[in-house]
Amino acid sequence: MCRQAVLLLFLFSSVIGFSQTRIIDSQTKYPVSYATISFGNGQGFFADDEGVFVFTKKIYPDIDSLFISALGFKDLNISSKNLPKTLELTPFIDELDEVVVRAKLDRKYKEESIEPYLDDDYYKCWLPTIESEIAVYFKNSDPKLKKLSEIHFPIALESVDWKKRHKSNADKKPFSTLFKVNIYQNENGFPGKPLLYQNIVFNATEKDGDEYTLDVSAYDILIPKSGLFVSLQVLGYADDAGKLLPNKKYKEIKSRGQTVKIPTNFRPLLPFTDEISESKTFIKRVFLHRNQWIQFKKGNINDSSLLKAGLNNYGMGITFKVYKDE
């Protein structure tokens, strides 16, 4: 862990005081990585890869209960008072039984790609927050067997000085941000059940340039006839080893005697595009609106500067293998 992160964690623990809790599988006793901890009033954060999260009453004095959820497990409601050192989640057997173990495909194939749309214009970018998840729909154009092999995430770097935005990566302000990727079925045009119950995470830094390519070939994700959704979700800033750090969702600003909570934005920024005619992008606020998906288009969202500028889609791309008939 970098020195700054160690110092931050030390100050956080020694001055404020905190409760550290680990979430585990009730059957295997293994950690439940990156579980969602919601406060029920629009706030929340994530556990790290070891299922550990930090909660303190000093920062959240008005929170009396926590709502904990994770893919493949039953939800858990628990009081925030005197949190135990360990919480157990019960596996949701009905969901896990739907996961199909597929044999490796040993057939000839050709590789095809849907290229990402790249842009480094700050004003054409989504500013990621912990509460946001963005999903992009990819249709299946024909009945041939296809397997997802790579996902291409456009990213935009933000420098310390706005005048330096067009210089080399070495001039960019350093960052280390952990993202989670989810793959969903298409259910009536919206992201539905997960196609995968394994955690897919990656750590993006300023060294990745304008695109991060994620290899998912090892997960054997076959593209359904109705297509699939690929989503991207910010977990928070990470240390030099890619381990999730304690991240505060809001910045608190005092104005006219009141405390205003402003969502914390994380780099890298996510460029949107106006070069796709249909609205393929869906968003949801993980801790708000009952965690429901909304299609990113005019009429659904009225206060978006991106939509006002005609930027209706996150320009994610994919590479997939198209297998020849046996």
C-alpha atoms as a PDB file:
ATOM      1  CA  MET A   1       0.000   0.000   0.000  1.00  0.00           C
ATOM      2  CA  CYS A   2       1.357   3.466  -0.837  1.00  0.00           C
ATOM      3  CA  ARG A   3       2.502   5.732   2.024  1.00  0.00           C
ATOM      4  CA  GLN A   4      -0.326   8.205   1.478  1.00  0.00           C
ATOM      5  CA  ALA A   5      -2.918   5.424   1.707  1.00  0.00           C
ATOM      6  CA  VAL A   6      -1.340   4.016   4.889  1.00  0.00           C
ATOM      7  CA  LEU A   7      -1.326   7.476   6.468  1.00  0.00           C
ATOM      8  CA  LEU A   8      -4.930   8.079   5.432  1.00  0.00           C
ATOM      9  CA  LEU A   9      -6.080   4.766   6.903  1.00  0.00           C
ATOM     10  CA  PHE A  10      -4.078   5.403  10.100  1.00  0.00           C
ATOM     11  CA  LEU A  11      -5.620   8.828  10.615  1.00  0.00           C
ATOM     12  CA  PHE A  12      -9.048   7.504   9.714  1.00  0.00           C
ATOM     13  CA  SER A  13      -8.813   4.756  12.333  1.00  0.00           C
ATOM     14  CA  SER A  14      -7.003   6.575  15.143  1.00  0.00           C
ATOM     15  CA  VAL A  15      -8.812   9.909  15.091  1.00  0.00           C
ATOM     16  CA  ILE A  16     -12.327   8.948  14.064  1.00  0.00           C
ATOM     17  CA  GLY A  17     -12.595   5.366  15.249  1.00  0.00           C
ATOM     18  CA  PHE A  18     -14.212   2.729  13.103  1.00  0.00           C
ATOM     19  CA  SER A  19     -15.746  -0.719  12.909  1.00  0.00           C
ATOM     20  CA  GLN A  20     -14.149  -3.182  10.496  1.00  0.00           C
ATOM     21  CA  THR A  21     -16.381  -6.055   9.411  1.00  0.00           C
ATOM     22  CA  ARG A  22     -15.740  -9.043   7.148  1.00  0.00           C
ATOM     23  CA  ILE A  23     -18.493 -10.598   5.010  1.00  0.00           C
ATOM     24  CA  ILE A  24     -18.193 -14.346   4.396  1.00  0.00           C
ATOM     25  CA  ASP A  25     -20.112 -17.177   2.717  1.00  0.00           C
ATOM     26  CA  SER A  26     -22.102 -18.997   5.437  1.00  0.00           C
ATOM     27  CA  GLN A  27     -21.306 -22.391   3.866  1.00  0.00           C
ATOM     28  CA  THR A  28     -17.724 -22.169   2.626  1.00  0.00           C
ATOM     29  CA  LYS A  29     -16.588 -19.441   5.057  1.00  0.00           C
ATOM     30  CA  TYR A  30     -14.785 -17.783   2.122  1.00  0.00           C
ATOM     31  CA  PRO A  31     -14.887 -13.977   1.810  1.00  0.00           C
ATOM     32  CA  VAL A  32     -17.682 -12.435  -0.264  1.00  0.00           C
ATOM     33  CA  SER A  33     -15.739 -10.014  -2.445  1.00  0.00           C
ATOM     34  CA  TYR A  34     -17.087  -6.577  -3.372  1.00  0.00           C
ATOM     35  CA  ALA A  35     -20.458  -6.954  -1.639  1.00  0.00           C
ATOM     36  CA  THR A  36     -22.685  -3.867  -1.719  1.00  0.00           C
ATOM     37  CA  ILE A  37     -23.397  -2.119   1.586  1.00  0.00           C
ATOM     38  CA  SER A  38     -26.378   0.233   1.256  1.00  0.00           C
ATOM     39  CA  PHE A  39     -27.723   2.553   3.929  1.00  0.00           C
ATOM     40  CA  GLY A  40     -31.296   2.614   2.654  1.00  0.00           C
ATOM     41  CA  ASN A  41     -31.318   6.393   2.098  1.00  0.00           C
ATOM     42  CA  GLY A  42     -29.255   6.629  -1.068  1.00  0.00           C
ATOM     43  CA  GLN A  43     -25.832   6.081   0.442  1.00  0.00           C
ATOM     44  CA  GLY A  44     -23.459   3.146   0.404  1.00  0.00           C
ATOM     45  CA  PHE A  45     -20.106   1.653  -0.560  1.00  0.00           C
ATOM     46  CA  PHE A  46     -18.475  -1.706  -1.309  1.00  0.00           C
ATOM     47  CA  ALA A  47     -16.517  -4.320   0.588  1.00  0.00           C
ATOM     48  CA  ASP A  48     -13.022  -5.072  -0.722  1.00  0.00           C
ATOM     49  CA  ASP A  49     -11.724  -8.296  -2.279  1.00  0.00           C
ATOM     50  CA  GLU A  50     -11.491  -9.911   1.175  1.00  0.00           C
ATOM     51  CA  GLY A  51     -15.085  -8.987   2.032  1.00  0.00           C
ATOM     52  CA  VAL A  52     -13.956  -6.278   4.463  1.00  0.00           C
ATOM     53  CA  PHE A  53     -15.657  -2.905   4.894  1.00  0.00           C
ATOM     54  CA  VAL A  54     -15.249  -0.037   7.351  1.00  0.00           C
ATOM     55  CA  PHE A  55     -18.227   1.718   8.931  1.00  0.00           C
ATOM     56  CA  THR A  56     -18.155   4.495  11.505  1.00  0.00           C
ATOM     57  CA  LYS A  57     -20.971   6.224  13.353  1.00  0.00           C
ATOM     58  CA  LYS A  58     -18.909   9.409  13.474  1.00  0.00           C
ATOM     59  CA  ILE A  59     -19.263   9.829   9.695  1.00  0.00           C
ATOM     60  CA  TYR A  60     -22.748   8.310   9.414  1.00  0.00           C
ATOM     61  CA  PRO A  61     -24.450   9.199  12.746  1.00  0.00           C
ATOM     62  CA  ASP A  62     -27.977   9.004  11.318  1.00  0.00           C
ATOM     63  CA  ILE A  63     -27.639   5.458   9.923  1.00  0.00           C
ATOM     64  CA  ASP A  64     -29.276   2.784  12.071  1.00  0.00           C
ATOM     65  CA  SER A  65     -29.272  -0.188   9.661  1.00  0.00           C
ATOM     66  CA  LEU A  66     -27.289  -1.605   6.757  1.00  0.00           C
ATOM     67  CA  PHE A  67     -28.559  -3.495   3.702  1.00  0.00           C
ATOM     68  CA  ILE A  68     -25.984  -5.957   2.344  1.00  0.00           C
ATOM     69  CA  SER A  69     -26.243  -7.699  -1.028  1.00  0.00           C
ATOM     70  CA  ALA A  70     -24.034  -9.691  -3.399  1.00  0.00           C
ATOM     71  CA  LEU A  71     -24.571 -11.725  -6.552  1.00  0.00           C
ATOM     72  CA  GLY A  72     -25.556 -15.285  -5.701  1.00  0.00           C
ATOM     73  CA  PHE A  73     -26.480 -14.524  -2.067  1.00  0.00           C
ATOM     74  CA  LYS A  74     -29.615 -13.672  -0.132  1.00  0.00           C
ATOM     75  CA  ASP A  75     -29.849 -10.058   1.021  1.00  0.00           C
ATOM     76  CA  LEU A  76     -29.149  -9.204   4.646  1.00  0.00           C
ATOM     77  CA  ASN A  77     -30.531  -6.388   6.801  1.00  0.00           C
ATOM     78  CA  ILE A  78     -28.613  -5.675  10.004  1.00  0.00           C
ATOM     79  CA  SER A  79     -28.432  -2.973  12.652  1.00  0.00           C
ATOM     80  CA  SER A  80     -25.443  -0.648  12.393  1.00  0.00           C
ATOM     81  CA  LYS A  81     -25.126  -0.584  16.177  1.00  0.00           C
ATOM     82  CA  ASN A  82     -22.355  -2.820  17.524  1.00  0.00           C
ATOM     83  CA  LEU A  83     -21.576  -4.426  14.177  1.00  0.00           C
ATOM     84  CA  PRO A  84     -19.970  -7.862  14.582  1.00  0.00           C
ATOM     85  CA  LYS A  85     -16.507  -8.548  13.210  1.00  0.00           C
ATOM     86  CA  THR A  86     -17.981 -11.156  10.827  1.00  0.00           C
ATOM     87  CA  LEU A  87     -21.227 -11.259   8.849  1.00  0.00           C
ATOM     88  CA  GLU A  88     -22.425 -14.367   7.004  1.00  0.00           C
ATOM     89  CA  LEU A  89     -24.390 -14.290   3.735  1.00  0.00           C
ATOM     90  CA  THR A  90     -26.476 -17.293   2.711  1.00  0.00           C
ATOM     91  CA  PRO A  91     -25.961 -18.554  -0.871  1.00  0.00           C
ATOM     92  CA  PHE A  92     -29.023 -18.223  -3.096  1.00  0.00           C
ATOM     93  CA  ILE A  93     -29.059 -21.833  -4.333  1.00  0.00           C
ATOM     94  CA  ASP A  94     -31.780 -21.271  -6.940  1.00  0.00           C
ATOM     95  CA  GLU A  95     -29.612 -18.693  -8.718  1.00  0.00           C
ATOM     96  CA  LEU A  96     -26.396 -20.661  -8.488  1.00  0.00           C
ATOM     97  CA  ASP A  97     -28.048 -23.757  -9.933  1.00  0.00           C
ATOM     98  CA  GLU A  98     -28.674 -21.831 -13.165  1.00  0.00           C
ATOM     99  CA  VAL A  99     -24.961 -21.436 -13.835  1.00  0.00           C
ATOM    100  CA  VAL A 100     -23.913 -23.868 -16.560  1.00  0.00           C
ATOM    101  CA  VAL A 101     -20.388 -25.256 -16.665  1.00  0.00           C
ATOM    102  CA  ARG A 102     -19.443 -25.390 -20.326  1.00  0.00           C
ATOM    103  CA  ALA A 103     -16.732 -27.475 -21.928  1.00  0.00           C
ATOM    104  CA  LYS A 104     -13.953 -25.693 -23.749  1.00  0.00           C
ATOM    105  CA  LEU A 105     -14.754 -25.150 -27.410  1.00  0.00           C
ATOM    106  CA  ASP A 106     -12.245 -26.776 -29.740  1.00  0.00           C
ATOM    107  CA  ARG A 107     -13.491 -25.565 -33.100  1.00  0.00           C
ATOM    108  CA  LYS A 108     -12.347 -23.210 -35.808  1.00  0.00           C
ATOM    109  CA  TYR A 109     -13.428 -19.620 -35.426  1.00  0.00           C
ATOM    110  CA  LYS A 110     -12.903 -16.129 -36.746  1.00  0.00           C
ATOM    111  CA  GLU A 111     -12.567 -13.110 -34.545  1.00  0.00           C
ATOM    112  CA  GLU A 112     -14.770 -10.049 -34.956  1.00  0.00           C
ATOM    113  CA  SER A 113     -14.903  -6.742 -33.112  1.00  0.00           C
ATOM    114  CA  ILE A 114     -17.256  -3.893 -32.413  1.00  0.00           C
ATOM    115  CA  GLU A 115     -14.832  -1.032 -32.047  1.00  0.00           C
ATOM    116  CA  PRO A 116     -15.062   1.403 -29.113  1.00  0.00           C
ATOM    117  CA  TYR A 117     -15.665   5.124 -29.599  1.00  0.00           C
ATOM    118  CA  LEU A 118     -12.778   7.083 -28.084  1.00  0.00           C
ATOM    119  CA  ASP A 119     -12.760  10.734 -27.032  1.00  0.00           C
ATOM    120  CA  ASP A 120     -10.750  12.860 -24.602  1.00  0.00           C
ATOM    121  CA  ASP A 121     -13.085  15.861 -24.441  1.00  0.00           C
ATOM    122  CA  TYR A 122     -13.923  16.508 -20.783  1.00  0.00           C
ATOM    123  CA  TYR A 123     -17.343  17.906 -21.700  1.00  0.00           C
ATOM    124  CA  LYS A 124     -18.307  14.705 -23.537  1.00  0.00           C
ATOM    125  CA  CYS A 125     -17.627  12.468 -20.550  1.00  0.00           C
ATOM    126  CA  TRP A 126     -19.638  10.811 -17.816  1.00  0.00           C
ATOM    127  CA  LEU A 127     -18.184  11.566 -14.383  1.00  0.00           C
ATOM    128  CA  PRO A 128     -18.204   8.184 -12.581  1.00  0.00           C
ATOM    129  CA  THR A 129     -19.502   7.965  -9.017  1.00  0.00           C
ATOM    130  CA  ILE A 130     -19.706   4.951  -6.723  1.00  0.00           C
ATOM    131  CA  GLU A 131     -23.493   4.901  -7.008  1.00  0.00           C
ATOM    132  CA  SER A 132     -23.492   4.617 -10.828  1.00  0.00           C
ATOM    133  CA  GLU A 133     -23.517   1.499 -13.005  1.00  0.00           C
ATOM    134  CA  ILE A 134     -23.526   1.843 -16.811  1.00  0.00           C
ATOM    135  CA  ALA A 135     -24.590  -1.033 -19.084  1.00  0.00           C
ATOM    136  CA  VAL A 136     -24.303  -1.234 -22.880  1.00  0.00           C
ATOM    137  CA  TYR A 137     -26.368  -3.601 -25.035  1.00  0.00           C
ATOM    138  CA  PHE A 138     -24.722  -5.728 -27.743  1.00  0.00           C
ATOM    139  CA  LYS A 139     -27.111  -7.549 -30.046  1.00  0.00           C
ATOM    140  CA  ASN A 140     -26.463 -10.942 -31.607  1.00  0.00           C
ATOM    141  CA  SER A 141     -26.878 -10.421 -35.342  1.00  0.00           C
ATOM    142  CA  ASP A 142     -27.090 -14.088 -36.414  1.00  0.00           C
ATOM    143  CA  PRO A 143     -27.551 -17.586 -34.930  1.00  0.00           C
ATOM    144  CA  LYS A 144     -23.868 -18.566 -35.125  1.00  0.00           C
ATOM    145  CA  LEU A 145     -22.187 -19.596 -31.877  1.00  0.00           C
ATOM    146  CA  LYS A 146     -20.201 -16.694 -30.377  1.00  0.00           C
ATOM    147  CA  LYS A 147     -17.992 -16.310 -27.313  1.00  0.00           C
ATOM    148  CA  LEU A 148     -17.001 -13.024 -25.742  1.00  0.00           C
ATOM    149  CA  SER A 149     -13.214 -12.644 -25.596  1.00  0.00           C
ATOM    150  CA  GLU A 150     -12.422  -8.973 -24.890  1.00  0.00           C
ATOM    151  CA  ILE A 151     -14.195  -5.846 -23.683  1.00  0.00           C
ATOM    152  CA  HIS A 152     -12.901  -2.420 -24.715  1.00  0.00           C
ATOM    153  CA  PHE A 153     -13.613   0.398 -22.288  1.00  0.00           C
ATOM    154  CA  PRO A 154     -13.021   3.957 -23.565  1.00  0.00           C
ATOM    155  CA  ILE A 155     -11.540   6.166 -20.849  1.00  0.00           C
ATOM    156  CA  ALA A 156     -10.483   9.803 -20.726  1.00  0.00           C
ATOM    157  CA  LEU A 157      -7.715  11.191 -18.566  1.00  0.00           C
ATOM    158  CA  GLU A 158      -7.967  14.428 -16.635  1.00  0.00           C
ATOM    159  CA  SER A 159      -4.793  16.371 -15.900  1.00  0.00           C
ATOM    160  CA  VAL A 160      -3.953  18.662 -12.993  1.00  0.00           C
ATOM    161  CA  ASP A 161      -3.990  21.662 -15.303  1.00  0.00           C
ATOM    162  CA  TRP A 162      -6.707  21.834 -17.965  1.00  0.00           C
ATOM    163  CA  LYS A 163      -4.130  23.161 -20.445  1.00  0.00           C
ATOM    164  CA  LYS A 164      -2.195  19.881 -20.154  1.00  0.00           C
ATOM    165  CA  ARG A 165      -5.017  17.592 -21.247  1.00  0.00           C
ATOM    166  CA  HIS A 166      -3.549  17.023 -24.704  1.00  0.00           C
ATOM    167  CA  LYS A 167      -0.039  16.182 -23.513  1.00  0.00           C
ATOM    168  CA  SER A 168       1.477  12.736 -22.926  1.00  0.00           C
ATOM    169  CA  ASN A 169       0.340  10.403 -20.169  1.00  0.00           C
ATOM    170  CA  ALA A 170       3.395  11.348 -18.119  1.00  0.00           C
ATOM    171  CA  ASP A 171       1.874  14.802 -17.651  1.00  0.00           C
ATOM    172  CA  LYS A 172      -1.415  13.452 -16.360  1.00  0.00           C
ATOM    173  CA  LYS A 173      -2.366  13.420 -12.694  1.00  0.00           C
ATOM    174  CA  PRO A 174      -1.878   9.822 -11.402  1.00  0.00           C
ATOM    175  CA  PHE A 175      -4.823   7.757 -10.217  1.00  0.00           C
ATOM    176  CA  SER A 176      -5.669   4.134  -9.490  1.00  0.00           C
ATOM    177  CA  THR A 177      -9.357   3.204  -9.734  1.00  0.00           C
ATOM    178  CA  LEU A 178     -10.965  -0.198  -9.287  1.00  0.00           C
ATOM    179  CA  PHE A 179     -13.864  -1.105 -11.604  1.00  0.00           C
ATOM    180  CA  LYS A 180     -16.271  -4.033 -11.515  1.00  0.00           C
ATOM    181  CA  VAL A 181     -17.688  -5.583 -14.702  1.00  0.00           C
ATOM    182  CA  ASN A 182     -21.021  -7.405 -14.878  1.00  0.00           C
ATOM    183  CA  ILE A 183     -22.519  -9.405 -17.755  1.00  0.00           C
ATOM    184  CA  TYR A 184     -26.326  -9.559 -17.960  1.00  0.00           C
ATOM    185  CA  GLN A 185     -28.936 -11.379 -20.016  1.00  0.00           C
ATOM    186  CA  ASN A 186     -31.297  -9.374 -22.218  1.00  0.00           C
ATOM    187  CA  GLU A 187     -34.718  -9.434 -20.589  1.00  0.00           C
ATOM    188  CA  ASN A 188     -37.281  -7.523 -22.656  1.00  0.00           C
ATOM    189  CA  GLY A 189     -34.708  -4.974 -23.718  1.00  0.00           C
ATOM    190  CA  PHE A 190     -33.279  -4.355 -20.232  1.00  0.00           C
ATOM    191  CA  PRO A 191     -30.353  -5.866 -18.301  1.00  0.00           C
ATOM    192  CA  GLY A 192     -31.694  -8.986 -16.568  1.00  0.00           C
ATOM    193  CA  LYS A 193     -30.171 -11.869 -14.672  1.00  0.00           C
ATOM    194  CA  PRO A 194     -26.382 -12.151 -14.518  1.00  0.00           C
ATOM    195  CA  LEU A 195     -24.732 -14.461 -17.043  1.00  0.00           C
ATOM    196  CA  LEU A 196     -21.803 -14.831 -14.677  1.00  0.00           C
ATOM    197  CA  TYR A 197     -21.628 -15.013 -10.881  1.00  0.00           C
ATOM    198  CA  GLN A 198     -17.865 -14.536 -10.700  1.00  0.00           C
ATOM    199  CA  ASN A 199     -16.398 -11.149  -9.870  1.00  0.00           C
ATOM    200  CA  ILE A 200     -14.619  -9.471 -12.770  1.00  0.00           C
ATOM    201  CA  VAL A 201     -12.592  -6.466 -11.635  1.00  0.00           C
ATOM    202  CA  PHE A 202      -9.780  -4.410 -13.102  1.00  0.00           C
ATOM    203  CA  ASN A 203      -7.656  -1.502 -11.991  1.00  0.00           C
ATOM    204  CA  ALA A 204      -7.364   1.475 -14.351  1.00  0.00           C
ATOM    205  CA  THR A 205      -4.550   4.024 -14.123  1.00  0.00           C
ATOM    206  CA  GLU A 206      -3.385   7.022 -16.142  1.00  0.00           C
ATOM    207  CA  LYS A 207      -0.934   4.687 -17.927  1.00  0.00           C
ATOM    208  CA  ASP A 208      -3.785   2.955 -19.796  1.00  0.00           C
ATOM    209  CA  GLY A 209      -4.222   5.859 -22.200  1.00  0.00           C
ATOM    210  CA  ASP A 210      -7.611   6.280 -23.885  1.00  0.00           C
ATOM    211  CA  GLU A 211      -8.753   2.635 -23.752  1.00  0.00           C
ATOM    212  CA  TYR A 212      -8.651  -0.258 -21.309  1.00  0.00           C
ATOM    213  CA  THR A 213      -8.900  -3.723 -22.904  1.00  0.00           C
ATOM    214  CA  LEU A 214     -10.111  -6.474 -20.584  1.00  0.00           C
ATOM    215  CA  ASP A 215      -9.507 -10.118 -21.533  1.00  0.00           C
ATOM    216  CA  VAL A 216     -12.546 -12.210 -20.508  1.00  0.00           C
ATOM    217  CA  SER A 217     -11.868 -15.274 -22.653  1.00  0.00           C
ATOM    218  CA  ALA A 218     -11.222 -17.457 -19.588  1.00  0.00           C
ATOM    219  CA  TYR A 219     -14.818 -16.998 -18.396  1.00  0.00           C
ATOM    220  CA  ASP A 220     -16.349 -18.824 -21.418  1.00  0.00           C
ATOM    221  CA  ILE A 221     -19.169 -16.303 -21.881  1.00  0.00           C
ATOM    222  CA  LEU A 222     -21.359 -17.407 -24.779  1.00  0.00           C
ATOM    223  CA  ILE A 223     -23.417 -14.619 -26.349  1.00  0.00           C
ATOM    224  CA  PRO A 224     -27.155 -15.492 -26.132  1.00  0.00           C
ATOM    225  CA  LYS A 225     -29.406 -15.254 -29.187  1.00  0.00           C
ATOM    226  CA  SER A 226     -31.025 -12.149 -27.723  1.00  0.00           C
ATOM    227  CA  GLY A 227     -27.661 -10.469 -27.102  1.00  0.00           C
ATOM    228  CA  LEU A 228     -26.188  -9.362 -23.805  1.00  0.00           C
ATOM    229  CA  PHE A 229     -25.420  -6.335 -21.657  1.00  0.00           C
ATOM    230  CA  VAL A 230     -21.938  -5.468 -20.395  1.00  0.00           C
ATOM    231  CA  SER A 231     -21.802  -3.080 -17.451  1.00  0.00           C
ATOM    232  CA  LEU A 232     -19.135  -1.007 -15.727  1.00  0.00           C
ATOM    233  CA  GLN A 233     -19.261   0.082 -12.102  1.00  0.00           C
ATOM    234  CA  VAL A 234     -16.819   2.109  -9.999  1.00  0.00           C
ATOM    235  CA  LEU A 235     -15.799   0.449  -6.746  1.00  0.00           C
ATOM    236  CA  GLY A 236     -13.468   3.281  -5.685  1.00  0.00           C
ATOM    237  CA  TYR A 237      -9.822   4.265  -5.569  1.00  0.00           C
ATOM    238  CA  ALA A 238      -7.268   1.507  -5.003  1.00  0.00           C
ATOM    239  CA  ASP A 239      -3.699   1.352  -3.690  1.00  0.00           C
ATOM    240  CA  ASP A 240      -0.637   0.572  -5.817  1.00  0.00           C
ATOM    241  CA  ALA A 241      -1.385  -3.164  -5.587  1.00  0.00           C
ATOM    242  CA  GLY A 242      -4.978  -2.696  -6.818  1.00  0.00           C
ATOM    243  CA  LYS A 243      -6.581  -3.239  -3.395  1.00  0.00           C
ATOM    244  CA  LEU A 244      -9.724  -1.205  -2.687  1.00  0.00           C
ATOM    245  CA  LEU A 245      -9.231   1.682  -0.251  1.00  0.00           C
ATOM    246  CA  PRO A 246     -11.885   3.160   2.074  1.00  0.00           C
ATOM    247  CA  ASN A 247     -13.784   5.569  -0.185  1.00  0.00           C
ATOM    248  CA  LYS A 248     -16.274   8.173   0.906  1.00  0.00           C
ATOM    249  CA  LYS A 249     -19.188   8.445  -1.485  1.00  0.00           C
ATOM    250  CA  TYR A 250     -19.942  12.112  -0.803  1.00  0.00           C
ATOM    251  CA  LYS A 251     -17.991  15.300  -0.261  1.00  0.00           C
ATOM    252  CA  GLU A 252     -19.677  17.396   2.391  1.00  0.00           C
ATOM    253  CA  ILE A 253     -19.744  21.143   1.706  1.00  0.00           C
ATOM    254  CA  LYS A 254     -21.174  23.609   4.220  1.00  0.00           C
ATOM    255  CA  SER A 255     -23.298  26.315   2.649  1.00  0.00           C
ATOM    256  CA  ARG A 256     -25.521  28.840   4.435  1.00  0.00           C
ATOM    257  CA  GLY A 257     -25.483  26.855   7.630  1.00  0.00           C
ATOM    258  CA  GLN A 258     -26.396  23.596   5.902  1.00  0.00           C
ATOM    259  CA  THR A 259     -24.274  20.617   4.908  1.00  0.00           C
ATOM    260  CA  VAL A 260     -24.656  19.714   1.236  1.00  0.00           C
ATOM    261  CA  LYS A 261     -23.546  16.278   0.035  1.00  0.00           C
ATOM    262  CA  ILE A 262     -21.890  16.266  -3.400  1.00  0.00           C
ATOM    263  CA  PRO A 263     -21.197  12.869  -5.047  1.00  0.00           C
ATOM    264  CA  THR A 264     -17.481  12.102  -5.273  1.00  0.00           C
ATOM    265  CA  ASN A 265     -16.319  11.783  -8.892  1.00  0.00           C
ATOM    266  CA  PHE A 266     -13.646   9.223  -9.756  1.00  0.00           C
ATOM    267  CA  ARG A 267     -11.182   9.215 -12.612  1.00  0.00           C
ATOM    268  CA  PRO A 268     -10.891   8.066 -15.342  1.00  0.00           C
ATOM    269  CA  LEU A 269     -13.827   9.762 -17.039  1.00  0.00           C
ATOM    270  CA  LEU A 270     -16.040   7.770 -19.418  1.00  0.00           C
ATOM    271  CA  PRO A 271     -16.510   9.352 -22.880  1.00  0.00           C
ATOM    272  CA  PHE A 272     -19.969   9.248 -24.469  1.00  0.00           C
ATOM    273  CA  THR A 273     -20.679   9.437 -28.199  1.00  0.00           C
ATOM    274  CA  ASP A 274     -23.336  10.721 -30.612  1.00  0.00           C
ATOM    275  CA  GLU A 275     -22.283   8.300 -33.382  1.00  0.00           C
ATOM    276  CA  ILE A 276     -24.730   5.540 -32.392  1.00  0.00           C
ATOM    277  CA  SER A 277     -28.311   6.159 -33.493  1.00  0.00           C
ATOM    278  CA  GLU A 278     -30.176   3.821 -31.119  1.00  0.00           C
ATOM    279  CA  SER A 279     -30.070   4.178 -27.340  1.00  0.00           C
ATOM    280  CA  LYS A 280     -27.984   1.162 -26.265  1.00  0.00           C
ATOM    281  CA  THR A 281     -26.887   2.532 -22.895  1.00  0.00           C
ATOM    282  CA  PHE A 282     -28.684   1.965 -19.598  1.00  0.00           C
ATOM    283  CA  ILE A 283     -27.840   3.393 -16.187  1.00  0.00           C
ATOM    284  CA  LYS A 284     -28.839   2.793 -12.603  1.00  0.00           C
ATOM    285  CA  ARG A 285     -28.056   4.305  -9.247  1.00  0.00           C
ATOM    286  CA  VAL A 286     -27.000   1.314  -7.172  1.00  0.00           C
ATOM    287  CA  PHE A 287     -28.189   2.824  -3.885  1.00  0.00           C
ATOM    288  CA  LEU A 288     -31.206   4.711  -5.268  1.00  0.00           C
ATOM    289  CA  HIS A 289     -34.522   4.140  -7.064  1.00  0.00           C
ATOM    290  CA  ARG A 290     -34.730   0.503  -5.884  1.00  0.00           C
ATOM    291  CA  ASN A 291     -31.670  -0.313  -7.969  1.00  0.00           C
ATOM    292  CA  GLN A 292     -33.668  -0.182 -11.225  1.00  0.00           C
ATOM    293  CA  TRP A 293     -32.256   0.255 -14.741  1.00  0.00           C
ATOM    294  CA  ILE A 294     -33.180   3.325 -16.818  1.00  0.00           C
ATOM    295  CA  GLN A 295     -32.549   3.650 -20.543  1.00  0.00           C
ATOM    296  CA  PHE A 296     -30.242   6.605 -21.128  1.00  0.00           C
ATOM    297  CA  LYS A 297     -32.326   8.760 -23.453  1.00  0.00           C
ATOM    298  CA  LYS A 298     -34.307  11.976 -23.518  1.00  0.00           C
ATOM    299  CA  GLY A 299     -37.610  11.696 -21.726  1.00  0.00           C
ATOM    300  CA  ASN A 300     -36.192   9.318 -19.144  1.00  0.00           C
ATOM    301  CA  ILE A 301     -33.524  11.696 -17.857  1.00  0.00           C
ATOM    302  CA  ASN A 302     -34.130  15.433 -17.997  1.00  0.00           C
ATOM    303  CA  ASP A 303     -31.062  16.937 -16.323  1.00  0.00           C
ATOM    304  CA  SER A 304     -28.267  15.340 -18.368  1.00  0.00           C
ATOM    305  CA  SER A 305     -25.846  17.677 -20.150  1.00  0.00           C
ATOM    306  CA  LEU A 306     -24.692  14.701 -22.224  1.00  0.00           C
ATOM    307  CA  LEU A 307     -28.172  14.036 -23.602  1.00  0.00           C
ATOM    308  CA  LYS A 308     -28.694  17.739 -24.265  1.00  0.00           C
ATOM    309  CA  ALA A 309     -25.555  17.596 -26.427  1.00  0.00           C
ATOM    310  CA  GLY A 310     -26.821  14.490 -28.267  1.00  0.00           C
ATOM    311  CA  LEU A 311     -24.325  12.161 -26.552  1.00  0.00           C
ATOM    312  CA  ASN A 312     -26.597   9.196 -25.931  1.00  0.00           C
ATOM    313  CA  ASN A 313     -24.238   6.227 -25.524  1.00  0.00           C
ATOM    314  CA  TYR A 314     -21.122   5.120 -23.705  1.00  0.00           C
ATOM    315  CA  GLY A 315     -18.864   3.957 -26.553  1.00  0.00           C
ATOM    316  CA  MET A 316     -17.873   0.540 -25.206  1.00  0.00           C
ATOM    317  CA  GLY A 317     -16.635  -2.089 -27.679  1.00  0.00           C
ATOM    318  CA  ILE A 318     -16.205  -5.874 -27.653  1.00  0.00           C
ATOM    319  CA  THR A 319     -14.234  -8.594 -29.428  1.00  0.00           C
ATOM    320  CA  PHE A 320     -15.775 -12.049 -29.850  1.00  0.00           C
ATOM    321  CA  LYS A 321     -15.076 -15.389 -31.495  1.00  0.00           C
ATOM    322  CA  VAL A 322     -17.528 -16.613 -34.138  1.00  0.00           C
ATOM    323  CA  TYR A 323     -17.329 -20.424 -34.347  1.00  0.00           C
ATOM    324  CA  LYS A 324     -17.795 -22.322 -37.578  1.00  0.00           C
ATOM    325  CA  ASP A 325     -20.479 -24.973 -37.793  1.00  0.00           C
ATOM    326  CA  GLU A 326     -19.366 -28.476 -36.912  1.00  0.00           C
END
